[in-house]
C-alpha atoms as a PDB file:
ATOM      1  CA  MET A   1      54.697 -71.639-180.633  1.00  0.00           C
ATOM      2  CA  THR A   2      58.420 -72.147-180.476  1.00  0.00           C
ATOM      3  CA  ILE A   3      60.541 -70.368-182.960  1.00  0.00           C
ATOM      4  CA  GLU A   4      63.560 -72.274-184.168  1.00  0.00           C
ATOM      5  CA  THR A   5      66.728 -70.274-184.820  1.00  0.00           C
ATOM      6  CA  PRO A   6      68.805 -70.938-188.025  1.00  0.00           C
ATOM      7  CA  TYR A   7      71.492 -72.412-185.736  1.00  0.00           C
ATOM      8  CA  GLU A   8      68.954 -74.780-184.208  1.00  0.00           C
ATOM      9  CA  ARG A   9      67.883 -75.840-187.675  1.00  0.00           C
ATOM     10  CA  ARG A  10      71.563 -76.567-188.609  1.00  0.00           C
ATOM     11  CA  VAL A  11      72.078 -78.608-185.455  1.00  0.00           C
ATOM     12  CA  GLY A  12      68.936 -80.569-186.226  1.00  0.00           C
ATOM     13  CA  ARG A  13      70.095 -81.292-189.786  1.00  0.00           C
ATOM     14  CA  VAL A  14      73.476 -82.570-188.465  1.00  0.00           C
ATOM     15  CA  ARG A  15      71.849 -84.516-185.654  1.00  0.00           C
ATOM     16  CA  ASP A  16      69.481 -86.254-188.119  1.00  0.00           C
ATOM     17  CA  ALA A  17      72.434 -87.231-190.421  1.00  0.00           C
ATOM     18  CA  VAL A  18      74.372 -88.611-187.449  1.00  0.00           C
ATOM     19  CA  ARG A  19      71.307 -90.548-186.274  1.00  0.00           C
ATOM     20  CA  ALA A  20      70.707 -91.968-189.705  1.00  0.00           C
ATOM     21  CA  HIS A  21      74.268 -93.300-189.926  1.00  0.00           C
ATOM     22  CA  SER A  22      75.051 -94.372-186.329  1.00  0.00           C
ATOM     23  CA  GLU A  23      73.481 -95.960-183.349  1.00  0.00           C
ATOM     24  CA  LEU A  24      73.714 -92.853-181.134  1.00  0.00           C
ATOM     25  CA  ASP A  25      70.694 -91.715-179.234  1.00  0.00           C
ATOM     26  CA  ASP A  26      69.055 -88.295-179.860  1.00  0.00           C
ATOM     27  CA  HIS A  27      70.917 -86.615-176.973  1.00  0.00           C
ATOM     28  CA  SER A  28      74.334 -87.899-177.965  1.00  0.00           C
ATOM     29  CA  ALA A  29      73.777 -87.120-181.615  1.00  0.00           C
ATOM     30  CA  SER A  30      72.719 -83.561-180.618  1.00  0.00           C
ATOM     31  CA  GLU A  31      75.888 -83.043-178.630  1.00  0.00           C
ATOM     32  CA  LEU A  32      78.002 -84.379-181.557  1.00  0.00           C
ATOM     33  CA  ALA A  33      76.148 -82.062-183.896  1.00  0.00           C
ATOM     34  CA  VAL A  34      77.141 -79.056-181.880  1.00  0.00           C
ATOM     35  CA  HIS A  35      80.765 -80.058-181.914  1.00  0.00           C
ATOM     36  CA  VAL A  36      80.663 -80.755-185.704  1.00  0.00           C
ATOM     37  CA  LEU A  37      79.110 -77.427-186.462  1.00  0.00           C
ATOM     38  CA  HIS A  38      81.679 -75.630-184.264  1.00  0.00           C
ATOM     39  CA  ALA A  39      84.489 -77.377-186.132  1.00  0.00           C
ATOM     40  CA  LEU A  40      82.930 -76.448-189.503  1.00  0.00           C
ATOM     41  CA  ASP A  41      82.365 -72.877-188.468  1.00  0.00           C
ATOM     42  CA  THR A  42      86.085 -72.479-187.617  1.00  0.00           C
ATOM     43  CA  ILE A  43      87.233 -73.469-191.083  1.00  0.00           C
ATOM     44  CA  PRO A  44      87.993 -70.321-193.044  1.00  0.00           C
ATOM     45  CA  GLU A  45      85.364 -69.533-195.778  1.00  0.00           C
ATOM     46  CA  LYS A  46      87.928 -69.761-198.529  1.00  0.00           C
ATOM     47  CA  ILE A  47      88.688 -73.412-197.613  1.00  0.00           C
ATOM     48  CA  ARG A  48      85.092 -74.419-197.103  1.00  0.00           C
END
């Protein structure tokens, strides 16, 4: 049994959204999801 971290779940949600709206493969969509989440996490809470 593999336990998925909250971060991995977030990456999965972003990856799935990217895949649904692009022609990227799973690997590329996952890499992009990591970059998107990093960018979102650097936005101050007050602005988000």
